[in-house]
C-alpha atoms as a PDB file:
ATOM      1  CA  MET A   1       9.490  18.514   4.884  1.00  0.00           C
ATOM      2  CA  ARG A   2       6.982  20.420   2.792  1.00  0.00           C
ATOM      3  CA  ALA A   3       4.495  18.599   0.635  1.00  0.00           C
ATOM      4  CA  LYS A   4       3.385  21.231  -1.848  1.00  0.00           C
ATOM      5  CA  GLY A   5       0.960  19.913  -4.419  1.00  0.00           C
ATOM      6  CA  LYS A   6       0.066  16.731  -2.519  1.00  0.00           C
ATOM      7  CA  ARG A   7      -3.634  16.286  -1.819  1.00  0.00           C
ATOM      8  CA  ILE A   8      -5.004  14.204   1.065  1.00  0.00           C
ATOM      9  CA  LEU A   9      -8.617  13.155   1.513  1.00  0.00           C
ATOM     10  CA  VAL A  10      -9.675  12.773   5.156  1.00  0.00           C
ATOM     11  CA  ALA A  11     -12.748  10.543   5.485  1.00  0.00           C
ATOM     12  CA  ASP A  12     -13.899  10.699   9.109  1.00  0.00           C
ATOM     13  CA  ASP A  13     -17.237  11.723  10.593  1.00  0.00           C
ATOM     14  CA  GLU A  14     -15.762  13.029  13.879  1.00  0.00           C
ATOM     15  CA  VAL A  15     -15.538  16.814  13.555  1.00  0.00           C
ATOM     16  CA  PRO A  16     -12.738  17.218  16.153  1.00  0.00           C
ATOM     17  CA  ILE A  17     -10.629  14.644  14.272  1.00  0.00           C
ATOM     18  CA  GLN A  18     -11.353  16.420  10.985  1.00  0.00           C
ATOM     19  CA  ARG A  19     -10.207  19.742  12.427  1.00  0.00           C
ATOM     20  CA  ILE A  20      -7.021  18.345  13.951  1.00  0.00           C
ATOM     21  CA  LEU A  21      -6.051  16.473  10.813  1.00  0.00           C
ATOM     22  CA  ARG A  22      -6.843  19.408   8.538  1.00  0.00           C
ATOM     23  CA  ARG A  23      -4.788  21.770  10.678  1.00  0.00           C
ATOM     24  CA  ASN A  24      -1.752  19.528  11.101  1.00  0.00           C
ATOM     25  CA  LEU A  25      -1.644  18.331   7.509  1.00  0.00           C
ATOM     26  CA  THR A  26      -2.179  21.826   6.114  1.00  0.00           C
ATOM     27  CA  MET A  27       0.716  23.087   8.254  1.00  0.00           C
ATOM     28  CA  SER A  28       2.858  20.350   6.682  1.00  0.00           C
ATOM     29  CA  GLY A  29       2.046  21.632   3.211  1.00  0.00           C
ATOM     30  CA  TYR A  30      -0.697  19.260   2.113  1.00  0.00           C
ATOM     31  CA  GLU A  31      -3.967  20.252   0.492  1.00  0.00           C
ATOM     32  CA  VAL A  32      -6.693  18.653   2.616  1.00  0.00           C
ATOM     33  CA  LEU A  33     -10.184  17.572   1.559  1.00  0.00           C
ATOM     34  CA  VAL A  34     -12.753  16.234   4.034  1.00  0.00           C
ATOM     35  CA  ALA A  35     -15.557  13.699   3.602  1.00  0.00           C
ATOM     36  CA  ASP A  36     -18.169  13.083   6.317  1.00  0.00           C
ATOM     37  CA  ASN A  37     -19.362   9.635   5.231  1.00  0.00           C
ATOM     38  CA  GLY A  38     -18.420   6.674   3.085  1.00  0.00           C
ATOM     39  CA  LYS A  39     -20.465   7.549   0.012  1.00  0.00           C
ATOM     40  CA  GLN A  40     -19.041  11.061  -0.056  1.00  0.00           C
ATOM     41  CA  ALA A  41     -15.518   9.670   0.365  1.00  0.00           C
ATOM     42  CA  VAL A  42     -15.857   7.458  -2.727  1.00  0.00           C
ATOM     43  CA  GLU A  43     -17.298  10.313  -4.779  1.00  0.00           C
ATOM     44  CA  MET A  44     -14.550  12.722  -3.710  1.00  0.00           C
ATOM     45  CA  ALA A  45     -11.821  10.163  -4.354  1.00  0.00           C
ATOM     46  CA  ARG A  46     -13.138   9.687  -7.888  1.00  0.00           C
ATOM     47  CA  LEU A  47     -13.640  13.392  -8.565  1.00  0.00           C
ATOM     48  CA  HIS A  48     -10.557  14.937  -6.937  1.00  0.00           C
ATOM     49  CA  GLN A  49      -8.032  12.109  -7.333  1.00  0.00           C
ATOM     50  CA  PRO A  50      -6.159  12.692  -4.044  1.00  0.00           C
ATOM     51  CA  ASP A  51      -2.625  11.433  -3.516  1.00  0.00           C
ATOM     52  CA  LEU A  52      -3.606   9.628  -0.296  1.00  0.00           C
ATOM     53  CA  ILE A  53      -6.722   8.818   1.738  1.00  0.00           C
ATOM     54  CA  LEU A  54      -6.979   8.793   5.536  1.00  0.00           C
ATOM     55  CA  LEU A  55     -10.002   6.593   6.152  1.00  0.00           C
ATOM     56  CA  ASP A  56     -11.954   5.877   9.325  1.00  0.00           C
ATOM     57  CA  ILE A  57     -13.613   2.454   9.474  1.00  0.00           C
ATOM     58  CA  CYS A  58     -16.709   3.372  11.503  1.00  0.00           C
ATOM     59  CA  MET A  59     -18.696   5.956   9.578  1.00  0.00           C
ATOM     60  CA  PRO A  60     -22.441   6.642   9.253  1.00  0.00           C
ATOM     61  CA  GLY A  61     -24.443   5.761   6.177  1.00  0.00           C
ATOM     62  CA  GLU A  62     -24.586   2.773   3.862  1.00  0.00           C
ATOM     63  CA  LEU A  63     -20.805   2.500   3.376  1.00  0.00           C
ATOM     64  CA  ASP A  64     -18.319   1.973   6.202  1.00  0.00           C
ATOM     65  CA  GLY A  65     -14.585   2.427   5.793  1.00  0.00           C
ATOM     66  CA  LEU A  66     -13.988  -1.116   4.580  1.00  0.00           C
ATOM     67  CA  ASP A  67     -16.686  -0.711   1.923  1.00  0.00           C
ATOM     68  CA  VAL A  68     -15.013   2.518   0.835  1.00  0.00           C
ATOM     69  CA  CYS A  69     -11.676   0.748   0.603  1.00  0.00           C
ATOM     70  CA  VAL A  70     -13.129  -1.911  -1.697  1.00  0.00           C
ATOM     71  CA  GLN A  71     -14.888   0.599  -3.961  1.00  0.00           C
ATOM     72  CA  VAL A  72     -11.906   2.945  -4.205  1.00  0.00           C
ATOM     73  CA  ARG A  73      -9.661   0.021  -5.146  1.00  0.00           C
ATOM     74  CA  ASP A  74     -11.926  -0.577  -8.154  1.00  0.00           C
ATOM     75  CA  PHE A  75     -10.680   2.595  -9.835  1.00  0.00           C
ATOM     76  CA  THR A  76      -7.422   3.753  -8.236  1.00  0.00           C
ATOM     77  CA  PRO A  77      -4.310   2.324  -6.527  1.00  0.00           C
ATOM     78  CA  ILE A  78      -3.651   5.444  -4.403  1.00  0.00           C
ATOM     79  CA  PRO A  79      -2.454   4.765  -0.836  1.00  0.00           C
ATOM     80  CA  ILE A  80      -5.076   4.328   1.888  1.00  0.00           C
ATOM     81  CA  ILE A  81      -4.275   4.602   5.593  1.00  0.00           C
ATOM     82  CA  ILE A  82      -6.992   3.263   7.881  1.00  0.00           C
ATOM     83  CA  LEU A  83      -7.676   5.257  11.061  1.00  0.00           C
ATOM     84  CA  SER A  84      -9.555   3.196  13.632  1.00  0.00           C
ATOM     85  CA  ALA A  85     -10.162   2.760  17.338  1.00  0.00           C
ATOM     86  CA  VAL A  86     -10.235  -1.018  16.730  1.00  0.00           C
ATOM     87  CA  SER A  87      -6.856  -2.514  17.601  1.00  0.00           C
ATOM     88  CA  GLU A  88      -7.499  -6.252  17.092  1.00  0.00           C
ATOM     89  CA  GLU A  89      -5.056  -7.877  14.667  1.00  0.00           C
ATOM     90  CA  LYS A  90      -7.834  -9.645  12.735  1.00  0.00           C
ATOM     91  CA  GLU A  91      -9.398  -6.274  11.891  1.00  0.00           C
ATOM     92  CA  LYS A  92      -6.051  -4.921  10.734  1.00  0.00           C
ATOM     93  CA  VAL A  93      -5.494  -7.959   8.541  1.00  0.00           C
ATOM     94  CA  LYS A  94      -9.012  -7.644   7.102  1.00  0.00           C
ATOM     95  CA  ALA A  95      -8.437  -3.994   6.183  1.00  0.00           C
ATOM     96  CA  LEU A  96      -5.075  -4.745   4.589  1.00  0.00           C
ATOM     97  CA  ASP A  97      -6.594  -7.670   2.683  1.00  0.00           C
ATOM     98  CA  LEU A  98      -9.214  -5.332   1.246  1.00  0.00           C
ATOM     99  CA  GLY A  99      -6.589  -2.976  -0.145  1.00  0.00           C
ATOM    100  CA  ALA A 100      -5.504  -0.633   2.651  1.00  0.00           C
ATOM    101  CA  ASP A 101      -1.798   0.233   2.733  1.00  0.00           C
ATOM    102  CA  ASP A 102      -1.472   0.948   6.448  1.00  0.00           C
ATOM    103  CA  TYR A 103      -3.489   0.875   9.662  1.00  0.00           C
ATOM    104  CA  LEU A 104      -3.186   3.394  12.472  1.00  0.00           C
ATOM    105  CA  THR A 105      -4.970   2.861  15.788  1.00  0.00           C
ATOM    106  CA  LYS A 106      -6.669   5.782  17.536  1.00  0.00           C
ATOM    107  CA  PRO A 107      -5.544   7.686  19.512  1.00  0.00           C
ATOM    108  CA  PHE A 108      -2.355   8.436  17.607  1.00  0.00           C
ATOM    109  CA  SER A 109       0.222  11.186  17.737  1.00  0.00           C
ATOM    110  CA  ASN A 110       0.656  13.751  14.983  1.00  0.00           C
ATOM    111  CA  ASP A 111       4.295  12.691  14.594  1.00  0.00           C
ATOM    112  CA  GLU A 112       3.332   9.060  13.952  1.00  0.00           C
ATOM    113  CA  LEU A 113       0.590  10.024  11.516  1.00  0.00           C
ATOM    114  CA  GLN A 114       2.913  12.323   9.599  1.00  0.00           C
ATOM    115  CA  ALA A 115       5.563   9.588   9.430  1.00  0.00           C
ATOM    116  CA  ARG A 116       3.046   7.089   8.063  1.00  0.00           C
ATOM    117  CA  VAL A 117       1.831   9.614   5.495  1.00  0.00           C
ATOM    118  CA  ARG A 118       5.393  10.336   4.363  1.00  0.00           C
ATOM    119  CA  ALA A 119       6.122   6.616   4.080  1.00  0.00           C
ATOM    120  CA  CYS A 120       3.065   6.085   1.862  1.00  0.00           C
ATOM    121  CA  MET A 121       3.986   9.099  -0.247  1.00  0.00           C
ATOM    122  CA  ARG A 122       7.471   7.691  -0.731  1.00  0.00           C
ATOM    123  CA  ARG A 123       6.043   4.401  -1.948  1.00  0.00           C
ATOM    124  CA  THR A 124       3.798   6.211  -4.399  1.00  0.00           C
ATOM    125  CA  GLY A 125       6.769   8.252  -5.590  1.00  0.00           C
ATOM    126  CA  ALA A 126       8.811   5.117  -6.188  1.00  0.00           C
ATOM    127  CA  GLN A 127       7.509   4.972  -9.758  1.00  0.00           C
ATOM    128  CA  GLU A 128       9.111   8.289 -10.683  1.00  0.00           C
ATOM    129  CA  ALA A 129      12.302   7.548  -8.779  1.00  0.00           C
ATOM    130  CA  ASN A 130      12.694   4.105 -10.285  1.00  0.00           C
ATOM    131  CA  ALA A 131      12.088   5.386 -13.804  1.00  0.00           C
ATOM    132  CA  ASP A 132      15.605   6.852 -13.785  1.00  0.00           C
ATOM    133  CA  ARG A 133      17.267   3.708 -12.476  1.00  0.00           C
ATOM    134  CA  GLU A 134      18.380   0.478 -14.042  1.00  0.00           C
ATOM    135  CA  PRO A 135      16.913  -1.959 -14.636  1.00  0.00           C
ATOM    136  CA  GLY A 136      13.699  -0.397 -15.918  1.00  0.00           C
ATOM    137  CA  VAL A 137      12.207  -3.836 -16.518  1.00  0.00           C
ATOM    138  CA  LEU A 138      12.345  -6.885 -14.256  1.00  0.00           C
ATOM    139  CA  VAL A 139      11.456 -10.301 -15.669  1.00  0.00           C
ATOM    140  CA  SER A 140      11.501 -13.772 -14.163  1.00  0.00           C
ATOM    141  CA  GLU A 141      13.865 -16.052 -16.046  1.00  0.00           C
ATOM    142  CA  ASP A 142      10.992 -17.987 -17.600  1.00  0.00           C
ATOM    143  CA  GLY A 143       9.312 -14.747 -18.682  1.00  0.00           C
ATOM    144  CA  TYR A 144       6.154 -15.507 -16.709  1.00  0.00           C
ATOM    145  CA  ILE A 145       6.318 -12.397 -14.481  1.00  0.00           C
ATOM    146  CA  HIS A 146       7.163  -9.144 -16.250  1.00  0.00           C
ATOM    147  CA  MET A 147       7.457  -5.827 -14.367  1.00  0.00           C
ATOM    148  CA  ASP A 148       7.840  -2.548 -16.265  1.00  0.00           C
ATOM    149  CA  ILE A 149       8.938  -0.071 -13.600  1.00  0.00           C
ATOM    150  CA  PRO A 150       8.609   3.255 -15.496  1.00  0.00           C
ATOM    151  CA  SER A 151       5.052   2.501 -16.641  1.00  0.00           C
ATOM    152  CA  ARG A 152       4.226   0.643 -13.403  1.00  0.00           C
ATOM    153  CA  GLN A 153       2.758  -2.305 -15.261  1.00  0.00           C
ATOM    154  CA  VAL A 154       2.961  -5.940 -14.224  1.00  0.00           C
ATOM    155  CA  ARG A 155       2.124  -8.804 -16.541  1.00  0.00           C
ATOM    156  CA  VAL A 156       1.681 -12.384 -15.391  1.00  0.00           C
ATOM    157  CA  GLY A 157       1.635 -14.798 -18.280  1.00  0.00           C
ATOM    158  CA  SER A 158      -0.430 -13.033 -20.923  1.00  0.00           C
ATOM    159  CA  GLN A 159      -2.512 -11.056 -18.428  1.00  0.00           C
ATOM    160  CA  GLU A 160      -1.844  -7.628 -16.922  1.00  0.00           C
ATOM    161  CA  VAL A 161      -2.490  -7.513 -13.170  1.00  0.00           C
ATOM    162  CA  ARG A 162      -3.342  -4.501 -11.039  1.00  0.00           C
ATOM    163  CA  LEU A 163      -1.206  -3.947  -7.957  1.00  0.00           C
ATOM    164  CA  THR A 164      -1.521  -1.356  -5.204  1.00  0.00           C
ATOM    165  CA  PRO A 165       1.543   0.890  -4.689  1.00  0.00           C
ATOM    166  CA  THR A 166       2.615  -1.241  -1.728  1.00  0.00           C
ATOM    167  CA  GLU A 167       2.169  -4.511  -3.607  1.00  0.00           C
ATOM    168  CA  PHE A 168       4.105  -3.111  -6.561  1.00  0.00           C
ATOM    169  CA  GLU A 169       7.028  -1.960  -4.445  1.00  0.00           C
ATOM    170  CA  LEU A 170       7.141  -5.234  -2.511  1.00  0.00           C
ATOM    171  CA  LEU A 171       7.261  -7.249  -5.740  1.00  0.00           C
ATOM    172  CA  ARG A 172       9.884  -4.865  -7.128  1.00  0.00           C
ATOM    173  CA  GLN A 173      12.117  -5.401  -4.112  1.00  0.00           C
ATOM    174  CA  LEU A 174      11.757  -9.170  -4.309  1.00  0.00           C
ATOM    175  CA  MET A 175      12.455  -9.302  -8.062  1.00  0.00           C
ATOM    176  CA  LEU A 176      15.285  -6.787  -7.893  1.00  0.00           C
ATOM    177  CA  TYR A 177      17.114  -9.091  -5.476  1.00  0.00           C
ATOM    178  CA  ALA A 178      15.950 -12.375  -7.028  1.00  0.00           C
ATOM    179  CA  GLY A 179      17.691 -15.342  -5.428  1.00  0.00           C
ATOM    180  CA  LYS A 180      18.624 -13.387  -2.298  1.00  0.00           C
ATOM    181  CA  VAL A 181      16.793 -13.947   0.967  1.00  0.00           C
ATOM    182  CA  LEU A 182      15.388 -10.639   2.214  1.00  0.00           C
ATOM    183  CA  THR A 183      14.694 -10.440   5.941  1.00  0.00           C
ATOM    184  CA  HIS A 184      11.401  -9.255   7.347  1.00  0.00           C
ATOM    185  CA  ARG A 185      13.080  -6.126   8.700  1.00  0.00           C
ATOM    186  CA  SER A 186      14.854  -5.243   5.464  1.00  0.00           C
ATOM    187  CA  LEU A 187      11.670  -5.643   3.424  1.00  0.00           C
ATOM    188  CA  LEU A 188       9.614  -3.609   5.869  1.00  0.00           C
ATOM    189  CA  ARG A 189      12.120  -0.768   5.801  1.00  0.00           C
ATOM    190  CA  ALA A 190      12.560  -0.885   2.027  1.00  0.00           C
ATOM    191  CA  VAL A 191       8.838  -0.955   1.285  1.00  0.00           C
ATOM    192  CA  TRP A 192       7.165   0.822   4.212  1.00  0.00           C
ATOM    193  CA  GLY A 193      10.032   3.079   5.277  1.00  0.00           C
ATOM    194  CA  PRO A 194      12.664   3.374   8.031  1.00  0.00           C
ATOM    195  CA  GLU A 195       9.950   3.848  10.666  1.00  0.00           C
ATOM    196  CA  TYR A 196       9.014   0.179  10.244  1.00  0.00           C
ATOM    197  CA  GLY A 197      10.733  -3.056  11.159  1.00  0.00           C
ATOM    198  CA  GLU A 198       8.553  -5.097  13.504  1.00  0.00           C
ATOM    199  CA  GLU A 199       5.233  -5.221  11.608  1.00  0.00           C
ATOM    200  CA  ALA A 200       5.672  -8.745  10.252  1.00  0.00           C
ATOM    201  CA  ASP A 201       1.885  -9.117   9.984  1.00  0.00           C
ATOM    202  CA  TYR A 202       1.939  -6.519   7.171  1.00  0.00           C
ATOM    203  CA  LEU A 203       4.337  -8.688   5.227  1.00  0.00           C
ATOM    204  CA  ARG A 204       2.283 -11.829   5.703  1.00  0.00           C
ATOM    205  CA  VAL A 205      -0.806 -10.099   4.357  1.00  0.00           C
ATOM    206  CA  TYR A 206       0.896  -8.546   1.351  1.00  0.00           C
ATOM    207  CA  VAL A 207       2.868 -11.637   0.434  1.00  0.00           C
ATOM    208  CA  ARG A 208      -0.391 -13.585   0.486  1.00  0.00           C
ATOM    209  CA  GLN A 209      -2.027 -10.951  -1.731  1.00  0.00           C
ATOM    210  CA  LEU A 210       0.910 -10.982  -4.149  1.00  0.00           C
ATOM    211  CA  ARG A 211       0.807 -14.744  -4.429  1.00  0.00           C
ATOM    212  CA  LEU A 212      -2.893 -14.602  -5.265  1.00  0.00           C
ATOM    213  CA  LYS A 213      -2.102 -12.204  -8.101  1.00  0.00           C
ATOM    214  CA  VAL A 214       1.146 -13.566  -9.548  1.00  0.00           C
ATOM    215  CA  GLU A 215       1.349 -17.260  -8.683  1.00  0.00           C
ATOM    216  CA  ALA A 216      -0.428 -19.893 -10.783  1.00  0.00           C
ATOM    217  CA  GLU A 217      -0.961 -21.897  -7.573  1.00  0.00           C
ATOM    218  CA  PRO A 218      -0.864 -19.482  -4.614  1.00  0.00           C
ATOM    219  CA  SER A 219      -0.978 -22.329  -2.090  1.00  0.00           C
ATOM    220  CA  ARG A 220       2.092 -23.854  -3.750  1.00  0.00           C
ATOM    221  CA  PRO A 221       4.131 -20.770  -4.713  1.00  0.00           C
ATOM    222  CA  ARG A 222       6.865 -21.126  -7.285  1.00  0.00           C
ATOM    223  CA  TYR A 223       8.302 -17.610  -7.212  1.00  0.00           C
ATOM    224  CA  ILE A 224       7.667 -15.889  -3.864  1.00  0.00           C
ATOM    225  CA  LEU A 225       8.968 -18.334  -1.278  1.00  0.00           C
ATOM    226  CA  THR A 226       9.057 -18.157   2.510  1.00  0.00           C
ATOM    227  CA  GLU A 227      12.267 -18.635   4.433  1.00  0.00           C
ATOM    228  CA  PRO A 228      10.820 -19.646   7.840  1.00  0.00           C
ATOM    229  CA  GLY A 229      11.815 -17.276  10.613  1.00  0.00           C
ATOM    230  CA  ILE A 230      13.896 -15.142   8.258  1.00  0.00           C
ATOM    231  CA  GLY A 231      11.962 -13.552   5.411  1.00  0.00           C
ATOM    232  CA  TYR A 232      11.186 -14.118   1.743  1.00  0.00           C
ATOM    233  CA  VAL A 233      13.009 -14.805  -1.508  1.00  0.00           C
ATOM    234  CA  PHE A 234      12.045 -14.520  -5.160  1.00  0.00           C
ATOM    235  CA  ARG A 235      13.136 -17.655  -7.018  1.00  0.00           C
ATOM    236  CA  SER A 236      13.423 -17.215 -10.767  1.00  0.00           C
ATOM    237  CA  TYR A 237      13.197 -20.202 -13.066  1.00  0.00           C
ATOM    238  CA  ARG A 238      14.135 -20.838 -16.670  1.00  0.00           C
ATOM    239  CA  GLU A 239      11.865 -22.899 -18.858  1.00  0.00           C
ATOM    240  CA  PRO A 240      13.455 -26.321 -19.637  1.00  0.00           C
END
């Protein structure tokens, strides 16, 4: 699959990694930019507006990869894939909590990296694809949560909330099938792509993040409910 016109920013201070990623991604049709440190990565993300960022956690300078993730999330929802030699689950959860869309542990194969990149690109492209489908707007029965798919806007009560591409697509799936229990596997494949199915920790993190953004009481959710051992369901309520 060619990816003409798609721009990827590689933020990694290891020159061999830079070269390998630039070569493999360029051969797949991507335009590749490279940043050597965290500060440069933030500046390049703001200036060049890439379609995706591949971000190492351990980088020299005043900003590490997690700092970059936080700062980039202040001005853009573009997908971020963390590249790290750290494999502990708590570090993965921390990165996802801070706004990363995926986490890939070094060393990794080119095939796996390319699959993860394609999956993120598909999620980002969901806005255009969904614009031609019905319904274009999803609303909870009480009107509290309002999702405009073509414009990619979500309103909770009277406030507009900012969602990452992954958060947006996860909420879209839940609202699209309101009242139906969606299994962990079906949500992972619908949101992250067919390469996924066992990464239940991703779901836990993103469901928690969604609840913080759309629930009045995240610890006592009214809309995004857990079905223990099965998955999640969006319950829609009418005002009495």
